[in-house]
Amino acid sequence: MNDHIWFSQYEPHVPQNIDYPNWTIVRLLHESASQFPDRAAISFYGKPMTYRELDDASNRFAQALIGLGVKKDDRVAIMLPNIPQTVIAYYGILKTGARIVHVNPLYVERELEHQLSDSGSIVILALDLFYEKVQNVKPKTTLQSIIVTGIRDYLPTMLRLLYPIKAKKNKQWVDIKKVPPVYDFRQLLKSATPKPPDI
């Protein structure tokens, strides 16, 4: 008698067990980028990002973090909704050997301050809409750098063009002066090398 009754619901070609290699998640991304470079890894509002593009962007983010002084076992916080930058940052942080601290985007300042202080995060990648909150708690935390990104950054072309109109209408347009220790995510990626970091 089969203890797993759901197996009977599987299509005939679907195996009951899957053998997979004992690799890190970073290696899985690298292998996917090598074997399926032009396949979509993620899609955002219908705009795909291929495995090659994701691997390249996460390498660039890793190099940018290293340029900001991030070392193995440091903590890097991500305060983003489900957008492409979250995935890029996730892999990029892992590629540096640092540790990921996911921060709930709905946190109020008190909760944000506690999580950043408790984790010892030295860098945070935050949505531009949360910048003021992050800036307000920064002096009470171990944060050294703030990286800012926006929902608009990876939207398809037409939506990217329309986004400022809607954001301004909804009073959600944020204009942030990006001078160190505040950095623009896209600019960091553009100026970093796509070479995987040596850790």
N, C-alpha and C. Protein backbone atom coordinates (compact mmCIF):
# COMPACT_ATOMS: atom_id res chain seq x y z
N MET A 1 0.84 -1.18 0.00
CA MET A 1 0.00 0.00 0.00
C MET A 1 0.88 1.25 0.00
N ASN A 2 0.51 2.22 -0.82
CA ASN A 2 1.30 3.43 -0.97
C ASN A 2 0.89 4.44 0.10
N ASP A 3 1.88 4.93 0.87
CA ASP A 3 1.59 5.91 1.92
C ASP A 3 1.32 7.30 1.36
N HIS A 4 1.70 7.52 0.13
CA HIS A 4 1.56 8.85 -0.47
C HIS A 4 0.47 8.80 -1.53
N ILE A 5 -0.76 9.00 -1.10
CA ILE A 5 -1.90 8.83 -2.01
C ILE A 5 -1.90 9.85 -3.14
N TRP A 6 -1.19 10.97 -2.96
CA TRP A 6 -1.17 11.99 -4.01
C TRP A 6 -0.41 11.52 -5.25
N PHE A 7 0.46 10.52 -5.09
CA PHE A 7 1.17 9.99 -6.26
C PHE A 7 0.21 9.50 -7.33
N SER A 8 -0.93 9.00 -6.92
CA SER A 8 -1.90 8.49 -7.90
C SER A 8 -2.47 9.61 -8.77
N GLN A 9 -2.31 10.85 -8.32
CA GLN A 9 -2.81 12.00 -9.08
C GLN A 9 -1.78 12.54 -10.07
N TYR A 10 -0.55 12.07 -9.97
CA TYR A 10 0.50 12.53 -10.87
C TYR A 10 0.24 12.03 -12.30
N GLU A 11 0.62 12.82 -13.26
CA GLU A 11 0.59 12.39 -14.66
C GLU A 11 1.58 11.23 -14.82
N PRO A 12 1.33 10.33 -15.76
CA PRO A 12 2.20 9.15 -15.91
C PRO A 12 3.68 9.48 -16.12
N HIS A 13 3.99 10.60 -16.78
CA HIS A 13 5.39 10.94 -17.06
C HIS A 13 6.09 11.66 -15.91
N VAL A 14 5.35 12.00 -14.85
CA VAL A 14 5.93 12.73 -13.73
C VAL A 14 6.51 11.73 -12.72
N PRO A 15 7.81 11.84 -12.44
CA PRO A 15 8.42 10.90 -11.48
C PRO A 15 7.96 11.19 -10.05
N GLN A 16 7.97 10.17 -9.23
CA GLN A 16 7.59 10.34 -7.82
C GLN A 16 8.73 10.99 -7.02
N ASN A 17 9.93 10.78 -7.45
CA ASN A 17 11.10 11.36 -6.79
C ASN A 17 11.99 12.01 -7.84
N ILE A 18 12.67 13.03 -7.42
CA ILE A 18 13.57 13.74 -8.32
C ILE A 18 14.98 13.69 -7.75
N ASP A 19 15.91 13.26 -8.58
CA ASP A 19 17.32 13.29 -8.18
C ASP A 19 17.89 14.64 -8.61
N TYR A 20 18.52 15.31 -7.70
CA TYR A 20 19.12 16.60 -8.02
C TYR A 20 20.51 16.67 -7.40
N PRO A 21 21.38 17.45 -8.00
CA PRO A 21 22.77 17.51 -7.51
C PRO A 21 22.87 18.23 -6.17
N ASN A 22 23.89 17.90 -5.44
CA ASN A 22 24.14 18.53 -4.15
C ASN A 22 24.97 19.80 -4.38
N TRP A 23 24.32 20.82 -4.94
CA TRP A 23 24.97 22.08 -5.27
C TRP A 23 24.39 23.20 -4.42
N THR A 24 25.15 24.28 -4.33
CA THR A 24 24.62 25.48 -3.69
C THR A 24 23.61 26.13 -4.63
N ILE A 25 22.79 27.00 -4.09
CA ILE A 25 21.80 27.69 -4.92
C ILE A 25 22.50 28.60 -5.93
N VAL A 26 23.66 29.14 -5.56
CA VAL A 26 24.43 29.97 -6.49
C VAL A 26 24.90 29.13 -7.68
N ARG A 27 25.37 27.93 -7.40
CA ARG A 27 25.81 27.06 -8.50
C ARG A 27 24.62 26.66 -9.37
N LEU A 28 23.47 26.42 -8.77
CA LEU A 28 22.27 26.09 -9.56
C LEU A 28 21.95 27.22 -10.54
N LEU A 29 22.07 28.47 -10.08
CA LEU A 29 21.83 29.60 -10.99
C LEU A 29 22.88 29.60 -12.10
N HIS A 30 24.14 29.43 -11.74
CA HIS A 30 25.21 29.43 -12.74
C HIS A 30 24.99 28.32 -13.78
N GLU A 31 24.65 27.14 -13.32
CA GLU A 31 24.41 26.02 -14.23
C GLU A 31 23.20 26.30 -15.13
N SER A 32 22.15 26.89 -14.56
CA SER A 32 20.97 27.24 -15.36
C SER A 32 21.32 28.28 -16.41
N ALA A 33 22.17 29.25 -16.03
CA ALA A 33 22.59 30.28 -16.98
C ALA A 33 23.46 29.68 -18.08
N SER A 34 24.22 28.64 -17.76
CA SER A 34 25.05 27.97 -18.77
C SER A 34 24.23 27.09 -19.70
N GLN A 35 23.29 26.34 -19.12
CA GLN A 35 22.51 25.39 -19.91
C GLN A 35 21.31 26.02 -20.63
N PHE A 36 20.72 27.02 -20.00
CA PHE A 36 19.50 27.63 -20.54
C PHE A 36 19.62 29.16 -20.54
N PRO A 37 20.66 29.71 -21.17
CA PRO A 37 20.94 31.15 -21.04
C PRO A 37 19.81 32.06 -21.48
N ASP A 38 19.03 31.64 -22.46
CA ASP A 38 18.00 32.52 -23.01
C ASP A 38 16.59 32.21 -22.52
N ARG A 39 16.48 31.27 -21.60
CA ARG A 39 15.17 30.99 -21.02
C ARG A 39 14.87 31.99 -19.92
N ALA A 40 13.59 32.27 -19.74
CA ALA A 40 13.18 33.24 -18.72
C ALA A 40 13.38 32.65 -17.32
N ALA A 41 14.11 33.37 -16.51
CA ALA A 41 14.29 33.00 -15.10
C ALA A 41 13.17 33.60 -14.28
N ILE A 42 12.84 34.86 -14.58
CA ILE A 42 11.74 35.55 -13.90
C ILE A 42 11.03 36.42 -14.92
N SER A 43 9.83 36.83 -14.58
CA SER A 43 9.05 37.72 -15.44
C SER A 43 8.39 38.77 -14.55
N PHE A 44 8.46 40.02 -14.99
CA PHE A 44 7.88 41.12 -14.21
C PHE A 44 7.00 41.94 -15.14
N TYR A 45 5.71 41.91 -14.89
CA TYR A 45 4.73 42.58 -15.74
C TYR A 45 4.92 42.19 -17.21
N GLY A 46 5.19 40.92 -17.43
CA GLY A 46 5.34 40.40 -18.78
C GLY A 46 6.72 40.60 -19.39
N LYS A 47 7.61 41.27 -18.69
CA LYS A 47 8.98 41.47 -19.19
C LYS A 47 9.88 40.40 -18.60
N PRO A 48 10.39 39.48 -19.45
CA PRO A 48 11.23 38.41 -18.92
C PRO A 48 12.67 38.86 -18.66
N MET A 49 13.29 38.19 -17.70
CA MET A 49 14.72 38.31 -17.46
C MET A 49 15.27 36.90 -17.60
N THR A 50 16.24 36.73 -18.49
CA THR A 50 16.78 35.39 -18.75
C THR A 50 17.72 34.96 -17.62
N TYR A 51 18.03 33.68 -17.62
CA TYR A 51 19.00 33.17 -16.64
C TYR A 51 20.35 33.85 -16.82
N ARG A 52 20.76 34.09 -18.06
CA ARG A 52 22.03 34.78 -18.31
C ARG A 52 21.99 36.18 -17.72
N GLU A 53 20.90 36.91 -17.96
CA GLU A 53 20.78 38.27 -17.44
C GLU A 53 20.76 38.28 -15.91
N LEU A 54 20.06 37.32 -15.32
CA LEU A 54 20.00 37.25 -13.86
C LEU A 54 21.37 36.94 -13.27
N ASP A 55 22.08 36.00 -13.86
CA ASP A 55 23.42 35.65 -13.38
C ASP A 55 24.36 36.84 -13.51
N ASP A 56 24.29 37.52 -14.66
CA ASP A 56 25.12 38.70 -14.90
C ASP A 56 24.80 39.81 -13.90
N ALA A 57 23.52 40.11 -13.72
CA ALA A 57 23.12 41.18 -12.80
C ALA A 57 23.51 40.85 -11.36
N SER A 58 23.36 39.59 -10.96
CA SER A 58 23.71 39.23 -9.59
C SER A 58 25.23 39.27 -9.39
N ASN A 59 26.00 38.94 -10.42
CA ASN A 59 27.46 39.10 -10.33
C ASN A 59 27.82 40.57 -10.16
N ARG A 60 27.17 41.42 -10.93
CA ARG A 60 27.43 42.86 -10.83
C ARG A 60 27.06 43.39 -9.44
N PHE A 61 25.92 42.93 -8.93
CA PHE A 61 25.51 43.39 -7.60
C PHE A 61 26.51 42.91 -6.55
N ALA A 62 26.97 41.67 -6.67
CA ALA A 62 27.98 41.16 -5.74
C ALA A 62 29.24 42.01 -5.79
N GLN A 63 29.70 42.32 -6.99
CA GLN A 63 30.91 43.15 -7.13
C GLN A 63 30.69 44.55 -6.55
N ALA A 64 29.49 45.09 -6.75
CA ALA A 64 29.17 46.42 -6.19
C ALA A 64 29.21 46.37 -4.66
N LEU A 65 28.64 45.31 -4.08
CA LEU A 65 28.66 45.18 -2.62
C LEU A 65 30.09 45.07 -2.10
N ILE A 66 30.91 44.30 -2.79
CA ILE A 66 32.31 44.17 -2.39
C ILE A 66 32.99 45.54 -2.46
N GLY A 67 32.65 46.31 -3.49
CA GLY A 67 33.18 47.67 -3.62
C GLY A 67 32.75 48.58 -2.48
N LEU A 68 31.60 48.27 -1.87
CA LEU A 68 31.12 49.05 -0.73
C LEU A 68 31.68 48.52 0.59
N GLY A 69 32.53 47.50 0.51
CA GLY A 69 33.17 46.98 1.71
C GLY A 69 32.53 45.74 2.32
N VAL A 70 31.56 45.15 1.64
CA VAL A 70 30.91 43.95 2.17
C VAL A 70 31.87 42.76 2.05
N LYS A 71 31.99 42.03 3.16
CA LYS A 71 32.86 40.85 3.20
C LYS A 71 32.06 39.62 3.61
N LYS A 72 32.70 38.48 3.52
CA LYS A 72 32.07 37.22 3.91
C LYS A 72 31.54 37.33 5.34
N ASP A 73 30.33 36.84 5.54
CA ASP A 73 29.63 36.81 6.82
C ASP A 73 29.06 38.16 7.27
N ASP A 74 29.29 39.24 6.52
CA ASP A 74 28.60 40.49 6.81
C ASP A 74 27.11 40.29 6.55
N ARG A 75 26.29 41.18 7.08
CA ARG A 75 24.85 41.11 6.85
C ARG A 75 24.42 42.22 5.91
N VAL A 76 23.63 41.83 4.90
CA VAL A 76 23.07 42.78 3.94
C VAL A 76 21.56 42.61 3.94
N ALA A 77 20.85 43.69 4.18
CA ALA A 77 19.39 43.64 4.28
C ALA A 77 18.73 43.94 2.94
N ILE A 78 17.61 43.28 2.71
CA ILE A 78 16.77 43.52 1.53
C ILE A 78 15.40 43.92 2.03
N MET A 79 14.97 45.13 1.69
CA MET A 79 13.65 45.62 2.09
C MET A 79 12.87 45.97 0.83
N LEU A 80 12.41 44.92 0.15
CA LEU A 80 11.75 45.07 -1.14
C LEU A 80 10.53 44.17 -1.23
N PRO A 81 9.58 44.57 -2.07
CA PRO A 81 8.50 43.63 -2.41
C PRO A 81 9.02 42.63 -3.44
N ASN A 82 8.15 41.83 -3.99
CA ASN A 82 8.55 40.82 -4.99
C ASN A 82 8.76 41.48 -6.35
N ILE A 83 9.98 41.95 -6.57
CA ILE A 83 10.37 42.59 -7.83
C ILE A 83 11.70 41.97 -8.27
N PRO A 84 12.10 42.16 -9.51
CA PRO A 84 13.35 41.54 -9.98
C PRO A 84 14.58 41.87 -9.13
N GLN A 85 14.63 43.08 -8.59
CA GLN A 85 15.78 43.47 -7.79
C GLN A 85 15.95 42.58 -6.55
N THR A 86 14.83 42.06 -6.04
CA THR A 86 14.89 41.17 -4.88
C THR A 86 15.66 39.90 -5.24
N VAL A 87 15.38 39.34 -6.40
CA VAL A 87 16.04 38.11 -6.84
C VAL A 87 17.51 38.39 -7.16
N ILE A 88 17.76 39.49 -7.85
CA ILE A 88 19.14 39.87 -8.18
C ILE A 88 19.96 40.04 -6.89
N ALA A 89 19.39 40.76 -5.93
CA ALA A 89 20.09 41.00 -4.67
C ALA A 89 20.31 39.71 -3.89
N TYR A 90 19.31 38.86 -3.86
CA TYR A 90 19.42 37.59 -3.15
C TYR A 90 20.65 36.81 -3.62
N TYR A 91 20.73 36.60 -4.92
CA TYR A 91 21.88 35.86 -5.46
C TYR A 91 23.17 36.65 -5.31
N GLY A 92 23.12 37.95 -5.52
CA GLY A 92 24.32 38.77 -5.40
C GLY A 92 24.92 38.73 -4.00
N ILE A 93 24.07 38.80 -3.00
CA ILE A 93 24.55 38.74 -1.61
C ILE A 93 25.20 37.39 -1.34
N LEU A 94 24.53 36.32 -1.77
CA LEU A 94 25.10 34.98 -1.57
C LEU A 94 26.46 34.86 -2.26
N LYS A 95 26.61 35.48 -3.42
CA LYS A 95 27.88 35.38 -4.16
C LYS A 95 29.03 36.10 -3.45
N THR A 96 28.72 37.01 -2.54
CA THR A 96 29.78 37.68 -1.77
C THR A 96 30.17 36.88 -0.54
N GLY A 97 29.34 35.89 -0.19
CA GLY A 97 29.57 35.16 1.06
C GLY A 97 28.92 35.83 2.24
N ALA A 98 28.22 36.94 2.00
CA ALA A 98 27.51 37.64 3.07
C ALA A 98 26.20 36.92 3.38
N ARG A 99 25.54 37.39 4.41
CA ARG A 99 24.28 36.79 4.84
C ARG A 99 23.12 37.73 4.53
N ILE A 100 22.04 37.13 4.09
CA ILE A 100 20.86 37.90 3.70
C ILE A 100 19.97 38.14 4.92
N VAL A 101 19.53 39.38 5.07
CA VAL A 101 18.56 39.73 6.10
C VAL A 101 17.33 40.27 5.37
N HIS A 102 16.29 39.45 5.29
CA HIS A 102 15.06 39.92 4.65
C HIS A 102 14.30 40.77 5.66
N VAL A 103 13.91 41.96 5.22
CA VAL A 103 13.19 42.89 6.08
C VAL A 103 11.78 43.05 5.52
N ASN A 104 10.81 42.92 6.38
CA ASN A 104 9.42 43.09 5.98
C ASN A 104 9.20 44.52 5.49
N PRO A 105 8.77 44.70 4.25
CA PRO A 105 8.55 46.06 3.74
C PRO A 105 7.47 46.83 4.49
N LEU A 106 6.66 46.14 5.27
CA LEU A 106 5.59 46.81 6.01
C LEU A 106 6.02 47.26 7.41
N TYR A 107 7.25 46.99 7.78
CA TYR A 107 7.72 47.38 9.11
C TYR A 107 7.60 48.88 9.33
N VAL A 108 7.23 49.24 10.55
CA VAL A 108 7.29 50.64 10.97
C VAL A 108 8.74 50.88 11.41
N GLU A 109 9.08 52.14 11.67
CA GLU A 109 10.47 52.48 11.99
C GLU A 109 11.01 51.71 13.19
N ARG A 110 10.22 51.56 14.23
CA ARG A 110 10.67 50.85 15.43
C ARG A 110 11.07 49.41 15.09
N GLU A 111 10.25 48.73 14.30
CA GLU A 111 10.54 47.34 13.92
C GLU A 111 11.76 47.26 13.00
N LEU A 112 11.84 48.21 12.08
CA LEU A 112 12.98 48.25 11.16
C LEU A 112 14.28 48.47 11.92
N GLU A 113 14.26 49.43 12.83
CA GLU A 113 15.45 49.71 13.64
C GLU A 113 15.89 48.47 14.41
N HIS A 114 14.92 47.78 15.01
CA HIS A 114 15.25 46.58 15.79
C HIS A 114 15.89 45.51 14.90
N GLN A 115 15.29 45.24 13.73
CA GLN A 115 15.83 44.17 12.89
C GLN A 115 17.21 44.52 12.35
N LEU A 116 17.41 45.76 11.94
CA LEU A 116 18.72 46.15 11.42
C LEU A 116 19.79 46.11 12.51
N SER A 117 19.43 46.58 13.71
CA SER A 117 20.39 46.56 14.82
C SER A 117 20.67 45.14 15.28
N ASP A 118 19.62 44.36 15.42
CA ASP A 118 19.76 42.99 15.90
C ASP A 118 20.59 42.13 14.94
N SER A 119 20.41 42.36 13.65
CA SER A 119 21.13 41.57 12.64
C SER A 119 22.55 42.08 12.40
N GLY A 120 22.78 43.35 12.70
CA GLY A 120 24.09 43.94 12.42
C GLY A 120 24.29 44.25 10.95
N SER A 121 23.20 44.47 10.23
CA SER A 121 23.29 44.76 8.79
C SER A 121 24.11 46.01 8.55
N ILE A 122 25.00 45.94 7.55
CA ILE A 122 25.82 47.11 7.23
C ILE A 122 25.37 47.80 5.94
N VAL A 123 24.61 47.08 5.12
CA VAL A 123 24.07 47.64 3.88
C VAL A 123 22.61 47.21 3.78
N ILE A 124 21.79 48.10 3.22
CA ILE A 124 20.40 47.74 2.96
C ILE A 124 20.06 48.14 1.53
N LEU A 125 19.35 47.27 0.84
CA LEU A 125 18.75 47.58 -0.45
C LEU A 125 17.28 47.80 -0.18
N ALA A 126 16.81 49.01 -0.43
CA ALA A 126 15.43 49.36 -0.08
C ALA A 126 14.72 50.00 -1.26
N LEU A 127 13.42 49.80 -1.29
CA LEU A 127 12.58 50.46 -2.28
C LEU A 127 12.59 51.95 -2.00
N ASP A 128 12.58 52.76 -3.05
CA ASP A 128 12.62 54.21 -2.87
C ASP A 128 11.49 54.72 -1.97
N LEU A 129 10.34 54.06 -2.00
CA LEU A 129 9.21 54.47 -1.16
C LEU A 129 9.51 54.30 0.33
N PHE A 130 10.49 53.48 0.68
CA PHE A 130 10.85 53.24 2.08
C PHE A 130 12.09 54.02 2.51
N TYR A 131 12.64 54.81 1.60
CA TYR A 131 13.91 55.48 1.87
C TYR A 131 13.86 56.35 3.12
N GLU A 132 12.81 57.15 3.26
CA GLU A 132 12.74 58.06 4.41
C GLU A 132 12.76 57.29 5.72
N LYS A 133 12.05 56.19 5.76
CA LYS A 133 12.01 55.34 6.96
C LYS A 133 13.41 54.80 7.27
N VAL A 134 14.10 54.32 6.24
CA VAL A 134 15.45 53.77 6.43
C VAL A 134 16.40 54.87 6.89
N GLN A 135 16.31 56.02 6.26
CA GLN A 135 17.19 57.14 6.61
C GLN A 135 16.97 57.58 8.05
N ASN A 136 15.72 57.55 8.50
CA ASN A 136 15.41 57.96 9.87
C ASN A 136 16.02 57.02 10.92
N VAL A 137 16.09 55.72 10.62
CA VAL A 137 16.61 54.78 11.61
C VAL A 137 18.12 54.54 11.46
N LYS A 138 18.69 54.94 10.36
CA LYS A 138 20.11 54.66 10.08
C LYS A 138 21.05 55.05 11.23
N PRO A 139 20.92 56.25 11.82
CA PRO A 139 21.86 56.62 12.89
C PRO A 139 21.82 55.70 14.12
N LYS A 140 20.71 54.98 14.29
CA LYS A 140 20.57 54.11 15.46
C LYS A 140 20.93 52.66 15.15
N THR A 141 21.49 52.42 13.96
CA THR A 141 21.80 51.06 13.53
C THR A 141 23.27 50.96 13.11
N THR A 142 23.65 49.80 12.61
CA THR A 142 25.01 49.57 12.12
C THR A 142 25.12 49.84 10.62
N LEU A 143 24.05 50.34 10.00
CA LEU A 143 24.06 50.59 8.56
C LEU A 143 25.15 51.57 8.17
N GLN A 144 25.87 51.22 7.11
CA GLN A 144 26.88 52.11 6.55
C GLN A 144 26.45 52.66 5.20
N SER A 145 25.68 51.86 4.45
CA SER A 145 25.27 52.27 3.10
C SER A 145 23.82 51.90 2.85
N ILE A 146 23.16 52.74 2.05
CA ILE A 146 21.78 52.50 1.63
C ILE A 146 21.78 52.46 0.10
N ILE A 147 21.25 51.38 -0.45
CA ILE A 147 21.09 51.26 -1.90
C ILE A 147 19.60 51.37 -2.18
N VAL A 148 19.25 52.25 -3.11
CA VAL A 148 17.84 52.53 -3.39
C VAL A 148 17.49 52.07 -4.79
N THR A 149 16.32 51.49 -4.91
CA THR A 149 15.80 51.07 -6.21
C THR A 149 14.32 51.39 -6.26
N GLY A 150 13.74 51.29 -7.45
CA GLY A 150 12.32 51.59 -7.60
C GLY A 150 11.61 50.52 -8.40
N ILE A 151 10.33 50.44 -8.21
CA ILE A 151 9.52 49.49 -8.98
C ILE A 151 9.69 49.75 -10.46
N ARG A 152 9.82 50.99 -10.82
CA ARG A 152 9.93 51.41 -12.22
C ARG A 152 11.15 50.80 -12.93
N ASP A 153 12.21 50.53 -12.20
CA ASP A 153 13.50 50.17 -12.80
C ASP A 153 13.45 48.98 -13.76
N TYR A 154 12.61 48.00 -13.51
CA TYR A 154 12.57 46.81 -14.36
C TYR A 154 11.22 46.61 -15.05
N LEU A 155 10.41 47.64 -15.09
CA LEU A 155 9.13 47.54 -15.80
C LEU A 155 9.37 47.51 -17.31
N PRO A 156 8.43 46.94 -18.06
CA PRO A 156 8.51 47.04 -19.52
C PRO A 156 8.51 48.51 -19.93
N THR A 157 9.04 48.81 -21.09
CA THR A 157 9.27 50.19 -21.53
C THR A 157 8.06 51.09 -21.37
N MET A 158 6.92 50.70 -21.88
CA MET A 158 5.74 51.57 -21.82
C MET A 158 5.32 51.84 -20.39
N LEU A 159 5.30 50.82 -19.56
CA LEU A 159 4.92 51.02 -18.15
C LEU A 159 5.96 51.88 -17.43
N ARG A 160 7.23 51.72 -17.78
CA ARG A 160 8.28 52.53 -17.16
C ARG A 160 8.08 54.01 -17.49
N LEU A 161 7.63 54.28 -18.71
CA LEU A 161 7.38 55.67 -19.11
C LEU A 161 6.16 56.25 -18.40
N LEU A 162 5.16 55.41 -18.19
CA LEU A 162 3.92 55.87 -17.56
C LEU A 162 4.00 55.92 -16.03
N TYR A 163 4.91 55.18 -15.47
CA TYR A 163 4.99 55.07 -14.01
C TYR A 163 5.10 56.42 -13.29
N PRO A 164 5.96 57.35 -13.73
CA PRO A 164 6.06 58.63 -13.01
C PRO A 164 4.74 59.39 -12.97
N ILE A 165 3.96 59.30 -14.03
CA ILE A 165 2.68 60.02 -14.06
C ILE A 165 1.77 59.48 -12.97
N LYS A 166 1.64 58.16 -12.91
CA LYS A 166 0.78 57.53 -11.91
C LYS A 166 1.33 57.76 -10.50
N ALA A 167 2.64 57.62 -10.33
CA ALA A 167 3.24 57.79 -9.01
C ALA A 167 3.04 59.22 -8.49
N LYS A 168 3.21 60.20 -9.36
CA LYS A 168 3.01 61.60 -8.94
C LYS A 168 1.55 61.85 -8.61
N LYS A 169 0.66 61.29 -9.41
CA LYS A 169 -0.78 61.45 -9.16
C LYS A 169 -1.16 60.86 -7.81
N ASN A 170 -0.57 59.71 -7.48
CA ASN A 170 -0.87 59.03 -6.21
C ASN A 170 0.02 59.50 -5.06
N LYS A 171 0.80 60.54 -5.30
CA LYS A 171 1.72 61.10 -4.31
C LYS A 171 2.70 60.03 -3.79
N GLN A 172 3.18 59.20 -4.72
CA GLN A 172 4.15 58.17 -4.39
C GLN A 172 5.47 58.37 -5.13
N TRP A 173 5.63 59.52 -5.74
CA TRP A 173 6.88 59.80 -6.44
C TRP A 173 7.91 60.27 -5.43
N VAL A 174 9.07 59.66 -5.45
CA VAL A 174 10.12 59.98 -4.50
C VAL A 174 11.35 60.42 -5.28
N ASP A 175 11.89 61.56 -4.92
CA ASP A 175 13.11 62.06 -5.55
C ASP A 175 14.21 62.03 -4.49
N ILE A 176 15.16 61.16 -4.66
CA ILE A 176 16.20 60.94 -3.65
C ILE A 176 17.55 61.38 -4.21
N LYS A 177 18.25 62.17 -3.43
CA LYS A 177 19.60 62.59 -3.81
C LYS A 177 20.54 61.43 -3.49
N LYS A 178 21.10 60.83 -4.53
CA LYS A 178 21.93 59.63 -4.34
C LYS A 178 23.40 59.99 -4.36
N VAL A 179 23.88 60.36 -3.20
CA VAL A 179 25.31 60.62 -2.99
C VAL A 179 25.75 59.74 -1.82
N PRO A 180 26.98 59.21 -1.87
CA PRO A 180 27.42 58.30 -0.81
C PRO A 180 27.16 58.89 0.58
N PRO A 181 26.62 58.06 1.47
CA PRO A 181 26.47 56.61 1.45
C PRO A 181 25.12 56.12 0.90
N VAL A 182 24.48 56.91 0.05
CA VAL A 182 23.23 56.48 -0.61
C VAL A 182 23.55 56.24 -2.08
N TYR A 183 23.18 55.06 -2.57
CA TYR A 183 23.55 54.65 -3.93
C TYR A 183 22.32 54.21 -4.72
N ASP A 184 22.41 54.38 -6.03
CA ASP A 184 21.36 53.94 -6.94
C ASP A 184 21.67 52.52 -7.41
N PHE A 185 20.72 51.62 -7.27
CA PHE A 185 20.90 50.21 -7.63
C PHE A 185 21.34 50.05 -9.07
N ARG A 186 20.62 50.66 -10.00
CA ARG A 186 20.94 50.49 -11.43
C ARG A 186 22.33 51.04 -11.75
N GLN A 187 22.67 52.17 -11.14
CA GLN A 187 23.98 52.77 -11.39
C GLN A 187 25.11 51.88 -10.86
N LEU A 188 24.89 51.28 -9.69
CA LEU A 188 25.89 50.35 -9.15
C LEU A 188 26.11 49.18 -10.10
N LEU A 189 25.01 48.62 -10.62
CA LEU A 189 25.13 47.48 -11.54
C LEU A 189 25.85 47.88 -12.81
N LYS A 190 25.52 49.07 -13.31
CA LYS A 190 26.11 49.54 -14.56
C LYS A 190 27.63 49.71 -14.42
N SER A 191 28.08 50.17 -13.27
CA SER A 191 29.51 50.45 -13.10
C SER A 191 30.31 49.25 -12.59
N ALA A 192 29.65 48.15 -12.27
CA ALA A 192 30.35 46.97 -11.74
C ALA A 192 30.64 45.97 -12.85
N THR A 193 31.64 45.14 -12.63
CA THR A 193 31.99 44.10 -13.60
C THR A 193 31.05 42.90 -13.46
N PRO A 194 30.76 42.21 -14.57
CA PRO A 194 29.92 41.02 -14.49
C PRO A 194 30.70 39.76 -14.09
N LYS A 195 31.97 39.93 -13.78
CA LYS A 195 32.81 38.77 -13.40
C LYS A 195 32.36 38.27 -12.02
N PRO A 196 32.18 36.95 -11.89
CA PRO A 196 31.81 36.42 -10.57
C PRO A 196 32.89 36.74 -9.55
N PRO A 197 32.49 37.11 -8.33
CA PRO A 197 33.50 37.43 -7.32
C PRO A 197 34.23 36.18 -6.84
N ASP A 198 35.46 36.37 -6.40
CA ASP A 198 36.24 35.29 -5.81
C ASP A 198 36.02 35.33 -4.30
N ILE A 199 35.35 34.31 -3.78
CA ILE A 199 35.17 34.27 -2.32
C ILE A 199 35.65 32.94 -1.78
